[in-house]
Amino acid sequence: MNAPIGPHDKILRTCTEPEVTALLRELHERGKPLGLRWGSAHVNGRTIDGRLLVNFGDAPVSTLFNLLELMRETARK
C-alpha cells in the first residue's frame, strides 16, 4: 500500500463533488459483500480551506481514500 493520505494533503483540494460522489458509490459497492454500509455518507457541497467536505461520520475525506485503497488492495490478493 502507498502511504496513507493525510487529512490536510494537497491532493484533497483537487477533488470535485462528482469525483467524491463516484468514490462513495465505489465504497458502497465494495462494502456490500463485506457487510459494510455507509448509507448516510454523501458530499455536502461545502469546502473548508479548499477541501471538499463529505458527511462520512466524523472522518475526513482522506479516510474515504484510505479505506477504498485498503479494500482495493484486499480485492487484488
N, C-alpha and C. Protein backbone atom coordinates (compact mmCIF):
# COMPACT_ATOMS: atom_id res chain seq x y z
N MET A 1 0.85 -1.19 0.00
CA MET A 1 0.00 0.00 0.00
C MET A 1 0.89 1.24 0.00
N ASN A 2 0.47 2.22 -0.73
CA ASN A 2 1.15 3.51 -0.68
C ASN A 2 0.91 4.14 0.68
N ALA A 3 1.66 5.16 0.98
CA ALA A 3 1.47 5.86 2.25
C ALA A 3 0.05 6.41 2.32
N PRO A 4 -0.58 6.34 3.48
CA PRO A 4 -1.94 6.88 3.62
C PRO A 4 -1.97 8.38 3.32
N ILE A 5 -3.10 8.83 2.85
CA ILE A 5 -3.32 10.25 2.58
C ILE A 5 -3.74 10.91 3.88
N GLY A 6 -3.08 11.98 4.24
CA GLY A 6 -3.43 12.72 5.46
C GLY A 6 -4.60 13.65 5.23
N PRO A 7 -5.29 14.05 6.30
CA PRO A 7 -6.46 14.92 6.14
C PRO A 7 -6.15 16.29 5.57
N HIS A 8 -4.89 16.70 5.55
CA HIS A 8 -4.53 18.01 5.01
C HIS A 8 -3.70 17.91 3.74
N ASP A 9 -3.71 16.72 3.12
CA ASP A 9 -2.95 16.51 1.89
C ASP A 9 -3.46 17.43 0.79
N LYS A 10 -2.54 18.00 0.02
CA LYS A 10 -2.92 18.94 -1.04
C LYS A 10 -3.79 18.31 -2.12
N ILE A 11 -3.67 16.99 -2.32
CA ILE A 11 -4.48 16.33 -3.36
C ILE A 11 -5.97 16.48 -3.06
N LEU A 12 -6.35 16.61 -1.82
CA LEU A 12 -7.76 16.75 -1.46
C LEU A 12 -8.36 18.05 -1.98
N ARG A 13 -7.54 19.04 -2.25
CA ARG A 13 -8.03 20.32 -2.79
C ARG A 13 -8.48 20.19 -4.24
N THR A 14 -8.05 19.14 -4.92
CA THR A 14 -8.40 18.95 -6.33
C THR A 14 -9.67 18.13 -6.51
N CYS A 15 -10.21 17.59 -5.45
CA CYS A 15 -11.38 16.72 -5.54
C CYS A 15 -12.64 17.54 -5.85
N THR A 16 -13.38 17.07 -6.83
CA THR A 16 -14.65 17.71 -7.15
C THR A 16 -15.78 16.90 -6.55
N GLU A 17 -16.93 17.51 -6.45
CA GLU A 17 -18.09 16.81 -5.90
C GLU A 17 -18.44 15.55 -6.70
N PRO A 18 -18.47 15.61 -8.04
CA PRO A 18 -18.76 14.38 -8.80
C PRO A 18 -17.72 13.28 -8.58
N GLU A 19 -16.45 13.65 -8.43
CA GLU A 19 -15.41 12.64 -8.19
C GLU A 19 -15.59 11.96 -6.84
N VAL A 20 -15.87 12.75 -5.81
CA VAL A 20 -16.05 12.18 -4.49
C VAL A 20 -17.35 11.37 -4.44
N THR A 21 -18.37 11.81 -5.13
CA THR A 21 -19.62 11.04 -5.20
C THR A 21 -19.36 9.68 -5.85
N ALA A 22 -18.55 9.66 -6.90
CA ALA A 22 -18.20 8.38 -7.55
C ALA A 22 -17.41 7.49 -6.60
N LEU A 23 -16.51 8.07 -5.82
CA LEU A 23 -15.76 7.27 -4.84
C LEU A 23 -16.68 6.71 -3.76
N LEU A 24 -17.66 7.49 -3.35
CA LEU A 24 -18.63 6.99 -2.37
C LEU A 24 -19.45 5.85 -2.95
N ARG A 25 -19.81 5.96 -4.23
CA ARG A 25 -20.52 4.85 -4.88
C ARG A 25 -19.66 3.59 -4.88
N GLU A 26 -18.38 3.76 -5.19
CA GLU A 26 -17.47 2.61 -5.18
C GLU A 26 -17.36 2.02 -3.77
N LEU A 27 -17.30 2.89 -2.76
CA LEU A 27 -17.24 2.41 -1.39
C LEU A 27 -18.47 1.58 -1.05
N HIS A 28 -19.64 2.05 -1.46
CA HIS A 28 -20.87 1.31 -1.20
C HIS A 28 -20.84 -0.06 -1.89
N GLU A 29 -20.40 -0.08 -3.15
CA GLU A 29 -20.37 -1.34 -3.90
C GLU A 29 -19.35 -2.32 -3.33
N ARG A 30 -18.16 -1.85 -3.02
CA ARG A 30 -17.13 -2.72 -2.46
C ARG A 30 -17.48 -3.18 -1.05
N GLY A 31 -18.20 -2.36 -0.32
CA GLY A 31 -18.55 -2.69 1.04
C GLY A 31 -19.69 -3.69 1.18
N LYS A 32 -20.59 -3.73 0.19
CA LYS A 32 -21.75 -4.62 0.26
C LYS A 32 -21.40 -6.07 0.56
N PRO A 33 -20.49 -6.69 -0.22
CA PRO A 33 -20.17 -8.09 0.04
C PRO A 33 -19.53 -8.33 1.41
N LEU A 34 -18.97 -7.29 1.98
CA LEU A 34 -18.31 -7.41 3.28
C LEU A 34 -19.24 -7.04 4.43
N GLY A 35 -20.46 -6.63 4.09
CA GLY A 35 -21.42 -6.23 5.11
C GLY A 35 -21.14 -4.84 5.66
N LEU A 36 -20.33 -4.06 4.93
CA LEU A 36 -20.01 -2.69 5.35
C LEU A 36 -20.92 -1.73 4.61
N ARG A 37 -21.64 -0.92 5.36
CA ARG A 37 -22.58 0.01 4.73
C ARG A 37 -22.42 1.40 5.32
N TRP A 38 -22.44 2.37 4.43
CA TRP A 38 -22.37 3.77 4.81
C TRP A 38 -23.48 4.50 4.06
N GLY A 39 -24.70 4.16 4.34
CA GLY A 39 -25.84 4.72 3.63
C GLY A 39 -25.98 6.23 3.77
N SER A 40 -25.48 6.78 4.85
CA SER A 40 -25.64 8.22 5.06
C SER A 40 -24.46 9.03 4.53
N ALA A 41 -23.41 8.38 4.03
CA ALA A 41 -22.24 9.11 3.52
C ALA A 41 -22.62 9.83 2.23
N HIS A 42 -22.31 11.12 2.18
CA HIS A 42 -22.58 11.90 0.97
C HIS A 42 -21.75 13.17 0.97
N VAL A 43 -21.59 13.74 -0.21
CA VAL A 43 -20.90 15.02 -0.36
C VAL A 43 -21.85 16.11 0.09
N ASN A 44 -21.38 17.01 0.94
CA ASN A 44 -22.30 18.05 1.40
C ASN A 44 -22.15 19.36 0.64
N GLY A 45 -21.23 19.42 -0.35
CA GLY A 45 -21.13 20.58 -1.22
C GLY A 45 -20.38 21.78 -0.67
N ARG A 46 -19.88 21.69 0.55
CA ARG A 46 -19.12 22.81 1.13
C ARG A 46 -17.63 22.49 1.11
N THR A 47 -16.84 23.52 1.24
CA THR A 47 -15.39 23.34 1.34
C THR A 47 -14.86 24.13 2.53
N ILE A 48 -13.75 23.66 3.04
CA ILE A 48 -13.00 24.38 4.06
C ILE A 48 -11.56 24.41 3.59
N ASP A 49 -11.01 25.59 3.47
CA ASP A 49 -9.63 25.76 3.03
C ASP A 49 -9.37 25.00 1.73
N GLY A 50 -10.34 25.01 0.83
CA GLY A 50 -10.18 24.38 -0.48
C GLY A 50 -10.43 22.89 -0.51
N ARG A 51 -10.77 22.30 0.62
CA ARG A 51 -11.02 20.85 0.67
C ARG A 51 -12.52 20.59 0.72
N LEU A 52 -12.99 19.72 -0.16
CA LEU A 52 -14.40 19.35 -0.19
C LEU A 52 -14.76 18.56 1.05
N LEU A 53 -15.92 18.84 1.62
CA LEU A 53 -16.37 18.13 2.82
C LEU A 53 -17.33 17.01 2.44
N VAL A 54 -17.21 15.92 3.15
CA VAL A 54 -18.08 14.77 2.95
C VAL A 54 -18.67 14.42 4.30
N ASN A 55 -19.96 14.18 4.33
CA ASN A 55 -20.59 13.68 5.54
C ASN A 55 -20.32 12.18 5.60
N PHE A 56 -19.33 11.83 6.37
CA PHE A 56 -18.86 10.44 6.48
C PHE A 56 -18.56 10.21 7.95
N GLY A 57 -19.57 10.38 8.78
CA GLY A 57 -19.34 10.35 10.21
C GLY A 57 -18.49 11.56 10.58
N ASP A 58 -17.54 11.36 11.45
CA ASP A 58 -16.63 12.43 11.84
C ASP A 58 -15.29 12.32 11.12
N ALA A 59 -15.25 11.54 10.06
CA ALA A 59 -13.99 11.28 9.35
C ALA A 59 -13.77 12.27 8.21
N PRO A 60 -12.50 12.63 7.94
CA PRO A 60 -12.20 13.49 6.79
C PRO A 60 -12.25 12.69 5.49
N VAL A 61 -12.26 13.39 4.36
CA VAL A 61 -12.30 12.74 3.05
C VAL A 61 -11.10 11.81 2.87
N SER A 62 -9.97 12.14 3.49
CA SER A 62 -8.80 11.27 3.37
C SER A 62 -9.10 9.86 3.87
N THR A 63 -10.00 9.73 4.84
CA THR A 63 -10.39 8.41 5.33
C THR A 63 -11.08 7.62 4.22
N LEU A 64 -11.88 8.29 3.42
CA LEU A 64 -12.54 7.64 2.29
C LEU A 64 -11.50 7.09 1.32
N PHE A 65 -10.52 7.92 0.95
CA PHE A 65 -9.46 7.47 0.05
C PHE A 65 -8.70 6.27 0.62
N ASN A 66 -8.31 6.37 1.89
CA ASN A 66 -7.52 5.31 2.51
C ASN A 66 -8.31 4.02 2.66
N LEU A 67 -9.57 4.11 3.03
CA LEU A 67 -10.41 2.93 3.15
C LEU A 67 -10.60 2.25 1.80
N LEU A 68 -10.86 3.04 0.77
CA LEU A 68 -11.00 2.45 -0.57
C LEU A 68 -9.71 1.77 -1.02
N GLU A 69 -8.58 2.36 -0.74
CA GLU A 69 -7.31 1.74 -1.13
C GLU A 69 -7.12 0.40 -0.41
N LEU A 70 -7.47 0.34 0.86
CA LEU A 70 -7.37 -0.93 1.58
C LEU A 70 -8.30 -1.98 0.98
N MET A 71 -9.52 -1.58 0.62
CA MET A 71 -10.48 -2.52 0.02
C MET A 71 -9.99 -2.98 -1.35
N ARG A 72 -9.43 -2.07 -2.14
CA ARG A 72 -8.90 -2.43 -3.46
C ARG A 72 -7.73 -3.40 -3.31
N GLU A 73 -6.85 -3.10 -2.36
CA GLU A 73 -5.68 -3.94 -2.14
C GLU A 73 -6.09 -5.34 -1.72
N THR A 74 -7.08 -5.44 -0.86
CA THR A 74 -7.58 -6.74 -0.41
C THR A 74 -8.18 -7.51 -1.57
N ALA A 75 -8.88 -6.83 -2.46
CA ALA A 75 -9.50 -7.49 -3.61
C ALA A 75 -8.45 -8.03 -4.58
N ARG A 76 -7.28 -7.38 -4.66
CA ARG A 76 -6.23 -7.84 -5.56
C ARG A 76 -5.55 -9.10 -5.07
N LYS A 77 -5.65 -9.40 -3.80
CA LYS A 77 -4.95 -10.57 -3.23
C LYS A 77 -5.74 -11.84 -3.42
